[in-house]
Amino acid sequence: MKILIVAHGHPDYSAGGAQMAAYSLYRALSDQNPDDVCFLSWISSERMKLHSPNEVTRLEPGRNEWLLHAPNSEWLYQSTVSRSLISRSFIRFMQKINPDVIHFHHYLGIGLDAIRLVRRLFPNCRIVVTLHEFLAICLRDGQMITRPANKLCVRASSLRCSGCFPELYRSHFGLRELWYKRHFAMVDGFISPSQFLKQRYVAWGIQPERIEVIENAQVCTEHPEQRRDPQSNAIVSTFGFFGQLNPYKGIDILLKAAVSISAKLAANPSAVLPRIVVYGTMAGQSDEFKDRMTTAFSKAPEILEYRGPYDMSEVISLMSSVGWVVVPSIWWENSPVVIEEAFFSGRPVICSDIGGMAEKVTHGLNGLQFRARDPDDLSRVILEASSNEVQWRDMTRNVRPVPGLAETGTIHGEYYDRLAPRRVSEREALH
């Protein structure tokens, strides 16, 4: 079986959750059948100097990894801006590979048009799409957070969405939904890494039997030697944040909680002093956001420490050096990579009590939950956790095993085998 995995970006250039999940799956499948698995990643026009525009080029000799350099797809409908140029190079590449399965780990960049192209050119090919967030449902980065109030949104509609984007006509959202659903009708099967995400898409209109819940592959599971048991009781009071520093990930909530903890400790100097270490990058964020973060870190220096970016190869070792991994995201999330990494590292998680986070972390069993978007409640949870070593040791024992690459590769392969190509009318495939 020839398998092509299509991704939005390559880990050599960016290390977002979707890119890492796609590349991890490629690694898992190629370990089993190296000659029959290819990885094609869209690369934005920012890489113009590195690769020929609108062409498919091999990343390196000997690696079955390819780059499609092209402008970004148009945002509202995720349609390709330079459709004809991308089509020609994409078609030539596809005809050379002649895959049995094409697994889109995202359609960002390459555009929804690629799904239609594949269905038209390869009617017997099985098309799979992994759902990473709610982009088909929500125009605001797929986060389902209202604009400008930044409140959680539970349901999309033309009326509600036009309230977030008054610059667009209400009819745009109805047409956008039809556009997405027309392309999704050509997909043979969807993969969701969480039940929560699946249920949101079922409510939106995808039949439940068309969505399979499978955890994303994690390349971190290749490095068990990096995981280590705690050598000191002090680790119980050390809390780590890992990932991109942006508003959606809730870094503001964590920093406000640190300030609240500092104030509480001032009134109770005999309490255990927790330590909060932050690993991640602010790349791509506004200067205003970066200035705000710098100011926030300076407000509780006795508790907070910013340690900067980290390499993905270090993540297990770094997580093993803290007692807890904190995931304070303000949006629903679906299956945060950081939670899987924490569990593989043998560390319990403190997370917001919503969405895929609450699904993965059972309060009091393998971690703790706090009220989403509530820094005071997060500060309470951190203070209580930092002084309860018995609780921490019980939770570390309850952290579930994380499937390895080989296991997730096998699960995906079995899913591909069960799929049959959907029969789409010629009119649907061409328009």
Protein backbone atom coordinates (compact mmCIF):
# COMPACT_ATOMS: atom_id res chain seq x y z
CA MET A 1 0.00 0.00 0.00
CA LYS A 2 1.44 3.34 -1.06
CA ILE A 3 0.69 6.11 1.43
CA LEU A 4 1.16 9.86 1.03
CA ILE A 5 0.91 12.09 4.09
CA VAL A 6 0.25 15.76 3.30
CA ALA A 7 1.09 18.28 6.02
CA HIS A 8 0.96 21.99 6.70
CA GLY A 9 4.65 22.68 7.12
CA HIS A 10 7.65 20.55 8.01
CA PRO A 11 9.25 20.19 11.47
CA ASP A 12 12.56 21.35 10.01
CA TYR A 13 10.93 24.77 9.55
CA SER A 14 8.22 24.91 12.21
CA ALA A 15 7.27 22.76 15.19
CA GLY A 16 3.54 23.22 15.72
CA GLY A 17 1.38 20.41 17.04
CA ALA A 18 -0.16 19.54 13.66
CA GLN A 19 3.24 19.43 11.94
CA MET A 20 4.72 17.21 14.63
CA ALA A 21 1.73 14.87 14.61
CA ALA A 22 1.90 14.52 10.82
CA TYR A 23 5.64 13.91 10.78
CA SER A 24 5.43 11.47 13.68
CA LEU A 25 2.85 9.43 11.76
CA TYR A 26 5.10 9.49 8.69
CA ARG A 27 7.96 8.21 10.79
CA ALA A 28 5.77 5.49 12.30
CA LEU A 29 4.52 4.27 8.92
CA SER A 30 7.83 4.59 7.09
CA ASP A 31 9.56 2.53 9.77
CA GLN A 32 7.28 -0.31 8.71
CA ASN A 33 7.35 0.26 4.93
CA PRO A 34 10.06 2.82 4.07
CA ASP A 35 9.65 2.60 0.29
CA ASP A 36 5.87 2.97 0.27
CA VAL A 37 5.35 6.04 2.47
CA CYS A 38 5.96 9.64 1.36
CA PHE A 39 5.69 12.94 3.21
CA LEU A 40 4.65 16.09 1.33
CA SER A 41 4.65 19.36 3.26
CA TRP A 42 3.42 22.73 2.10
CA ILE A 43 5.95 25.52 2.63
CA SER A 44 4.88 29.16 2.52
CA SER A 45 6.23 31.87 0.25
CA GLU A 46 8.49 32.98 3.10
CA ARG A 47 10.80 30.17 1.95
CA MET A 48 11.10 31.63 -1.56
CA LYS A 49 14.90 31.76 -1.38
CA LEU A 50 15.20 28.14 -0.36
CA HIS A 51 13.00 26.40 -2.90
CA SER A 52 11.54 27.04 -6.34
CA PRO A 53 8.04 28.52 -6.08
CA ASN A 54 5.07 26.32 -6.98
CA GLU A 55 7.22 23.25 -7.41
CA VAL A 56 7.62 19.99 -5.51
CA THR A 57 11.23 19.45 -4.45
CA ARG A 58 12.90 16.72 -2.43
CA LEU A 59 13.99 17.84 1.02
CA GLU A 60 17.24 15.88 0.97
CA PRO A 61 18.64 12.99 -1.09
CA GLY A 62 17.72 9.67 0.43
CA ARG A 63 14.73 11.02 2.36
CA ASN A 64 11.26 10.31 1.04
CA GLU A 65 10.18 13.79 2.13
CA TRP A 66 9.07 16.47 -0.30
CA LEU A 67 8.24 20.17 -0.13
CA LEU A 68 5.53 22.00 -2.05
CA HIS A 69 6.48 25.65 -2.06
CA ALA A 70 3.49 27.89 -2.77
CA PRO A 71 1.61 30.96 -1.53
CA ASN A 72 -0.80 30.43 1.32
CA SER A 73 -4.37 29.45 0.55
CA GLU A 74 -7.04 32.13 0.81
CA TRP A 75 -8.31 32.20 4.40
CA LEU A 76 -12.11 32.46 4.17
CA TYR A 77 -12.65 29.44 1.94
CA GLN A 78 -9.19 27.84 2.17
CA SER A 79 -9.02 27.90 -1.63
CA THR A 80 -5.66 28.03 -3.37
CA VAL A 81 -4.59 31.48 -4.54
CA SER A 82 -2.36 30.22 -7.37
CA ARG A 83 -4.58 27.25 -8.14
CA SER A 84 -3.34 26.51 -11.67
CA LEU A 85 0.35 26.62 -10.73
CA ILE A 86 -0.12 24.47 -7.63
CA SER A 87 -2.34 22.08 -9.55
CA ARG A 88 0.26 21.39 -12.21
CA SER A 89 3.11 20.63 -9.82
CA PHE A 90 0.87 18.76 -7.39
CA ILE A 91 -0.64 16.63 -10.17
CA ARG A 92 2.77 15.73 -11.60
CA PHE A 93 3.96 14.67 -8.18
CA MET A 94 0.81 12.70 -7.43
CA GLN A 95 0.95 10.85 -10.73
CA LYS A 96 4.54 9.89 -10.02
CA ILE A 97 3.69 8.57 -6.54
CA ASN A 98 0.32 7.02 -7.52
CA PRO A 99 -0.76 6.52 -3.88
CA ASP A 100 -3.42 4.18 -2.56
CA VAL A 101 -4.01 6.40 0.49
CA ILE A 102 -3.63 10.16 0.78
CA HIS A 103 -3.78 11.37 4.36
CA PHE A 104 -4.19 15.13 4.73
CA HIS A 105 -2.94 16.03 8.20
CA HIS A 106 -4.19 19.48 7.35
CA TYR A 107 -5.45 21.40 4.34
CA LEU A 108 -3.96 24.72 5.45
CA GLY A 109 -1.71 26.24 2.81
CA ILE A 110 -2.32 23.62 0.16
CA GLY A 111 -6.04 24.39 0.21
CA LEU A 112 -9.23 22.37 0.13
CA ASP A 113 -8.84 22.31 -3.66
CA ALA A 114 -6.27 19.55 -3.26
CA ILE A 115 -8.97 17.20 -1.94
CA ARG A 116 -11.06 17.76 -5.06
CA LEU A 117 -8.02 17.27 -7.29
CA VAL A 118 -7.19 13.97 -5.65
CA ARG A 119 -10.75 12.67 -5.92
CA ARG A 120 -10.94 13.63 -9.60
CA LEU A 121 -7.55 12.16 -10.57
CA PHE A 122 -7.56 9.10 -8.32
CA PRO A 123 -11.16 7.93 -7.88
CA ASN A 124 -10.06 4.70 -6.18
CA CYS A 125 -7.64 6.36 -3.78
CA ARG A 126 -8.66 6.51 -0.12
CA ILE A 127 -8.66 10.07 1.22
CA VAL A 128 -8.22 10.65 4.95
CA VAL A 129 -8.30 13.98 6.81
CA THR A 130 -7.13 14.46 10.39
CA LEU A 131 -9.08 17.19 12.18
CA HIS A 132 -6.79 19.29 14.35
CA GLU A 133 -9.06 22.12 15.45
CA PHE A 134 -12.39 23.67 14.44
CA LEU A 135 -11.26 25.58 11.34
CA ALA A 136 -14.10 24.25 9.17
CA ILE A 137 -16.57 25.50 11.78
CA CYS A 138 -14.89 28.68 13.00
CA LEU A 139 -13.17 31.37 10.93
CA ARG A 140 -11.25 32.68 13.92
CA ASP A 141 -8.28 30.35 13.59
CA GLY A 142 -10.56 27.41 14.33
CA GLN A 143 -10.46 28.28 18.04
CA MET A 144 -14.18 28.91 18.64
CA ILE A 145 -13.48 32.03 20.66
CA THR A 146 -15.62 35.10 20.05
CA ARG A 147 -14.24 38.35 18.71
CA PRO A 148 -13.51 40.82 20.24
CA ALA A 149 -14.83 39.61 23.63
CA ASN A 150 -12.67 36.42 23.62
CA LYS A 151 -15.45 34.30 25.13
CA LEU A 152 -15.80 30.58 24.49
CA CYS A 153 -18.19 29.82 21.63
CA VAL A 154 -20.27 26.63 21.77
CA ARG A 155 -21.97 26.77 18.37
CA ALA A 156 -21.35 28.42 15.02
CA SER A 157 -24.05 29.98 12.84
CA SER A 158 -24.17 32.64 10.14
CA LEU A 159 -25.70 35.08 12.63
CA ARG A 160 -23.22 34.38 15.43
CA CYS A 161 -20.20 34.33 13.11
CA SER A 162 -21.15 37.62 11.46
CA GLY A 163 -21.13 39.14 14.95
CA CYS A 164 -17.44 38.20 15.22
CA PHE A 165 -16.67 39.36 11.67
CA PRO A 166 -18.96 42.33 10.93
CA GLU A 167 -16.79 43.21 7.93
CA LEU A 168 -18.18 40.12 6.15
CA TYR A 169 -21.73 39.53 4.93
CA ARG A 170 -23.79 36.94 6.78
CA SER A 171 -24.15 35.03 3.51
CA HIS A 172 -20.37 34.49 3.43
CA PHE A 173 -20.63 32.09 6.35
CA GLY A 174 -23.42 30.05 4.81
CA LEU A 175 -21.45 29.77 1.57
CA ARG A 176 -18.30 28.89 3.52
CA GLU A 177 -20.08 26.03 5.27
CA LEU A 178 -21.40 24.69 1.96
CA TRP A 179 -17.91 24.95 0.42
CA TYR A 180 -16.33 22.98 3.25
CA LYS A 181 -19.02 20.33 3.30
CA ARG A 182 -18.82 19.83 -0.46
CA HIS A 183 -15.11 19.10 -0.18
CA PHE A 184 -15.53 17.02 2.96
CA ALA A 185 -18.08 14.88 1.07
CA MET A 186 -15.17 13.63 -1.05
CA VAL A 187 -13.24 12.41 2.02
CA ASP A 188 -13.40 8.68 2.79
CA GLY A 189 -12.68 9.01 6.48
CA PHE A 190 -11.81 11.52 9.16
CA ILE A 191 -9.56 11.03 12.16
CA SER A 192 -10.10 12.94 15.39
CA PRO A 193 -7.60 12.71 18.26
CA SER A 194 -10.38 13.22 20.84
CA GLN A 195 -14.03 12.41 21.40
CA PHE A 196 -14.67 16.07 22.18
CA LEU A 197 -13.49 17.21 18.76
CA LYS A 198 -15.46 14.43 17.07
CA GLN A 199 -18.69 15.44 18.78
CA ARG A 200 -18.25 19.06 17.70
CA TYR A 201 -17.90 17.99 14.07
CA VAL A 202 -20.82 15.55 14.35
CA ALA A 203 -22.99 18.42 15.62
CA TRP A 204 -21.76 20.47 12.66
CA GLY A 205 -22.89 17.84 10.17
CA ILE A 206 -20.37 15.01 9.64
CA GLN A 207 -21.90 11.56 10.16
CA PRO A 208 -20.43 9.99 13.33
CA GLU A 209 -19.48 6.75 11.56
CA ARG A 210 -17.19 8.73 9.25
CA ILE A 211 -14.97 9.95 12.13
CA GLU A 212 -12.56 7.59 13.88
CA VAL A 213 -10.98 8.62 17.19
CA ILE A 214 -7.25 7.81 17.08
CA GLU A 215 -4.53 9.46 19.15
CA ASN A 216 -1.90 11.34 17.17
CA ALA A 217 1.47 9.66 16.85
CA GLN A 218 4.18 11.20 19.02
CA VAL A 219 7.80 11.03 17.96
CA CYS A 220 8.80 11.76 21.58
CA THR A 221 8.04 8.14 22.45
CA GLU A 222 11.22 7.16 20.62
CA HIS A 223 13.37 8.45 23.47
CA PRO A 224 12.46 6.58 26.67
CA GLU A 225 16.01 7.00 27.97
CA GLN A 226 15.32 10.73 28.45
CA ARG A 227 12.61 10.04 30.99
CA ARG A 228 13.88 9.91 34.56
CA ASP A 229 12.44 9.46 38.01
CA PRO A 230 12.61 12.37 40.46
CA GLN A 231 15.70 12.57 42.63
CA SER A 232 14.46 15.23 45.00
CA ASN A 233 11.22 15.98 46.82
CA ALA A 234 11.57 19.58 45.64
CA ILE A 235 10.35 18.50 42.21
CA VAL A 236 6.80 18.28 43.58
CA SER A 237 6.68 22.07 43.86
CA THR A 238 8.09 22.70 40.35
CA PHE A 239 5.59 23.49 37.60
CA GLY A 240 6.42 23.68 33.90
CA PHE A 241 4.76 25.33 30.91
CA PHE A 242 5.81 24.03 27.48
CA GLY A 243 4.78 25.28 24.07
CA GLN A 244 4.06 28.39 22.10
CA LEU A 245 3.63 31.53 24.14
CA ASN A 246 0.45 33.02 22.72
CA PRO A 247 -2.88 34.16 24.16
CA TYR A 248 -4.76 30.99 23.11
CA LYS A 249 -2.39 28.80 25.13
CA GLY A 250 -3.26 30.69 28.30
CA ILE A 251 0.19 31.97 29.21
CA ASP A 252 -1.48 35.17 30.47
CA ILE A 253 -3.56 33.07 32.88
CA LEU A 254 -0.47 31.32 34.24
CA LEU A 255 1.45 34.56 34.75
CA LYS A 256 -1.49 36.18 36.53
CA ALA A 257 -1.73 33.08 38.73
CA ALA A 258 1.96 33.50 39.60
CA VAL A 259 1.36 37.07 40.71
CA SER A 260 -1.59 35.89 42.81
CA ILE A 261 0.59 33.17 44.38
CA SER A 262 3.26 35.75 45.21
CA ALA A 263 0.70 37.89 47.02
CA LYS A 264 -0.66 34.91 48.98
CA LEU A 265 2.82 33.82 50.03
CA ALA A 266 3.60 37.32 51.26
CA ALA A 267 0.76 36.87 53.76
CA ASN A 268 1.90 33.33 54.66
CA PRO A 269 5.71 33.16 54.51
CA SER A 270 5.81 29.64 55.98
CA ALA A 271 4.04 28.11 52.95
CA VAL A 272 5.93 26.05 50.37
CA LEU A 273 7.39 28.27 47.65
CA PRO A 274 6.44 26.86 44.23
CA ARG A 275 8.62 27.40 41.16
CA ILE A 276 7.08 27.99 37.74
CA VAL A 277 9.38 27.52 34.74
CA VAL A 278 8.26 28.49 31.25
CA TYR A 279 9.71 26.95 28.08
CA GLY A 280 8.64 28.20 24.67
CA THR A 281 8.91 30.83 22.03
CA MET A 282 7.08 34.08 21.39
CA ALA A 283 7.99 34.02 17.69
CA GLY A 284 5.26 35.46 15.50
CA GLN A 285 3.62 37.41 18.33
CA SER A 286 3.14 41.16 18.32
CA ASP A 287 5.55 43.53 20.01
CA GLU A 288 2.72 44.54 22.34
CA PHE A 289 2.28 40.90 23.43
CA LYS A 290 6.02 40.42 23.95
CA ASP A 291 6.24 43.59 26.05
CA ARG A 292 3.28 42.46 28.13
CA MET A 293 4.92 39.09 28.74
CA THR A 294 8.22 40.68 29.77
CA THR A 295 6.42 42.92 32.24
CA ALA A 296 4.41 40.00 33.63
CA PHE A 297 7.51 37.87 34.24
CA SER A 298 9.10 40.70 36.20
CA LYS A 299 6.19 40.87 38.66
CA ALA A 300 6.94 37.58 40.41
CA PRO A 301 10.66 36.85 39.93
CA GLU A 302 10.87 34.69 43.05
CA ILE A 303 8.38 32.25 41.46
CA LEU A 304 8.64 32.71 37.69
CA GLU A 305 11.50 31.86 35.36
CA TYR A 306 11.42 32.11 31.58
CA ARG A 307 13.87 29.65 30.06
CA GLY A 308 13.21 30.36 26.38
CA PRO A 309 12.71 28.04 23.39
CA TYR A 310 13.56 24.36 23.46
CA ASP A 311 14.23 21.68 20.89
CA MET A 312 11.64 18.92 20.51
CA SER A 313 14.35 16.32 21.16
CA GLU A 314 14.73 17.79 24.67
CA VAL A 315 11.09 17.83 25.69
CA ILE A 316 11.00 14.53 27.62
CA SER A 317 14.15 15.36 29.53
CA LEU A 318 12.87 18.85 30.36
CA MET A 319 9.44 17.64 31.44
CA SER A 320 11.06 14.99 33.62
CA SER A 321 12.82 17.80 35.50
CA VAL A 322 9.52 19.31 36.71
CA GLY A 323 6.82 17.84 38.91
CA TRP A 324 3.78 19.04 37.01
CA VAL A 325 3.04 20.19 33.45
CA VAL A 326 0.59 23.09 33.30
CA VAL A 327 -1.76 23.46 30.30
CA PRO A 328 -3.82 26.62 30.90
CA SER A 329 -5.29 27.06 27.38
CA ILE A 330 -8.25 29.41 27.10
CA TRP A 331 -9.76 27.64 24.06
CA TRP A 332 -11.26 24.18 23.89
CA GLU A 333 -8.18 22.40 22.53
CA ASN A 334 -8.77 18.88 21.21
CA SER A 335 -5.81 16.68 22.09
CA PRO A 336 -2.85 18.85 23.07
CA VAL A 337 0.48 17.30 22.17
CA VAL A 338 1.90 18.66 25.41
CA ILE A 339 -0.43 16.44 27.47
CA GLU A 340 0.75 13.32 25.64
CA GLU A 341 4.36 14.42 26.13
CA ALA A 342 3.74 14.99 29.83
CA PHE A 343 2.19 11.56 30.26
CA PHE A 344 5.05 9.91 28.40
CA SER A 345 7.40 11.75 30.76
CA GLY A 346 5.48 10.29 33.70
CA ARG A 347 4.21 13.67 34.87
CA PRO A 348 0.67 14.60 35.95
CA VAL A 349 -0.96 17.58 34.27
CA ILE A 350 -2.73 20.66 35.63
CA CYS A 351 -5.13 21.91 32.94
CA SER A 352 -8.21 23.95 32.16
CA ASP A 353 -11.45 22.07 32.79
CA ILE A 354 -12.78 22.27 29.22
CA GLY A 355 -12.66 20.49 25.89
CA GLY A 356 -10.07 17.89 24.99
CA MET A 357 -7.99 18.81 28.03
CA ALA A 358 -10.70 17.72 30.45
CA GLU A 359 -11.15 14.54 28.39
CA LYS A 360 -7.48 13.58 28.67
CA VAL A 361 -6.90 14.57 32.31
CA THR A 362 -9.09 13.05 35.01
CA HIS A 363 -9.18 15.32 38.04
CA GLY A 364 -7.59 13.65 41.04
CA LEU A 365 -6.36 10.64 39.05
CA ASN A 366 -3.63 11.64 36.56
CA GLY A 367 -3.75 15.37 37.14
CA LEU A 368 -5.77 18.30 38.34
CA GLN A 369 -8.21 20.67 36.67
CA PHE A 370 -8.96 24.32 37.38
CA ARG A 371 -11.69 26.63 36.17
CA ALA A 372 -10.74 27.69 32.66
CA ARG A 373 -9.57 31.31 32.34
CA ASP A 374 -9.50 31.76 36.13
CA PRO A 375 -5.98 32.66 37.36
CA ASP A 376 -7.10 32.74 41.00
CA ASP A 377 -8.35 29.17 40.81
CA LEU A 378 -5.14 28.11 39.06
CA SER A 379 -3.10 29.74 41.83
CA ARG A 380 -5.15 27.80 44.41
CA VAL A 381 -4.52 24.48 42.61
CA ILE A 382 -0.78 25.14 42.26
CA LEU A 383 -0.39 26.07 45.94
CA GLU A 384 -2.28 22.99 47.11
CA ALA A 385 -0.36 20.71 44.73
CA SER A 386 3.05 22.07 45.72
CA SER A 387 2.64 20.96 49.33
CA ASN A 388 1.08 17.54 48.78
CA GLU A 389 3.80 15.02 47.92
CA VAL A 390 1.59 12.01 48.64
CA GLN A 391 -0.99 13.19 46.12
CA TRP A 392 1.70 13.83 43.51
CA ARG A 393 3.23 10.38 43.87
CA ASP A 394 -0.20 8.74 43.58
CA MET A 395 -0.90 10.67 40.40
CA THR A 396 2.43 9.87 38.80
CA ARG A 397 1.62 6.19 39.29
CA ASN A 398 -1.75 6.71 37.59
CA VAL A 399 -0.38 8.40 34.48
CA ARG A 400 -1.43 6.16 31.60
CA PRO A 401 1.06 4.74 29.12
CA VAL A 402 1.34 6.57 25.80
CA PRO A 403 1.28 4.45 22.62
CA GLY A 404 4.62 4.24 20.86
CA LEU A 405 5.27 5.05 17.22
CA ALA A 406 5.01 1.44 16.10
CA GLU A 407 1.62 0.99 17.77
CA THR A 408 0.12 4.19 16.36
CA GLY A 409 1.47 3.33 12.91
CA THR A 410 -0.23 -0.06 13.07
CA ILE A 411 -3.53 1.48 14.23
CA HIS A 412 -3.52 3.95 11.35
CA GLY A 413 -2.61 1.23 8.85
CA GLU A 414 -5.52 -0.94 10.02
CA TYR A 415 -7.83 2.06 9.65
CA TYR A 416 -6.69 2.65 6.07
CA ASP A 417 -7.39 -1.02 5.30
CA ARG A 418 -10.98 -0.71 6.53
CA LEU A 419 -11.78 2.29 4.35
CA ALA A 420 -13.44 2.11 0.96
CA PRO A 421 -13.35 5.05 -1.50
CA ARG A 422 -16.54 7.10 -1.41
CA ARG A 423 -18.41 7.23 -4.68
CA VAL A 424 -18.76 10.90 -5.57
CA SER A 425 -20.65 12.06 -8.62
CA GLU A 426 -18.69 13.60 -11.48
CA ARG A 427 -20.51 16.88 -10.87
CA GLU A 428 -19.39 16.93 -7.20
CA ALA A 429 -15.82 16.08 -8.12
CA LEU A 430 -15.48 18.76 -10.78
CA HIS A 431 -17.26 21.68 -9.12
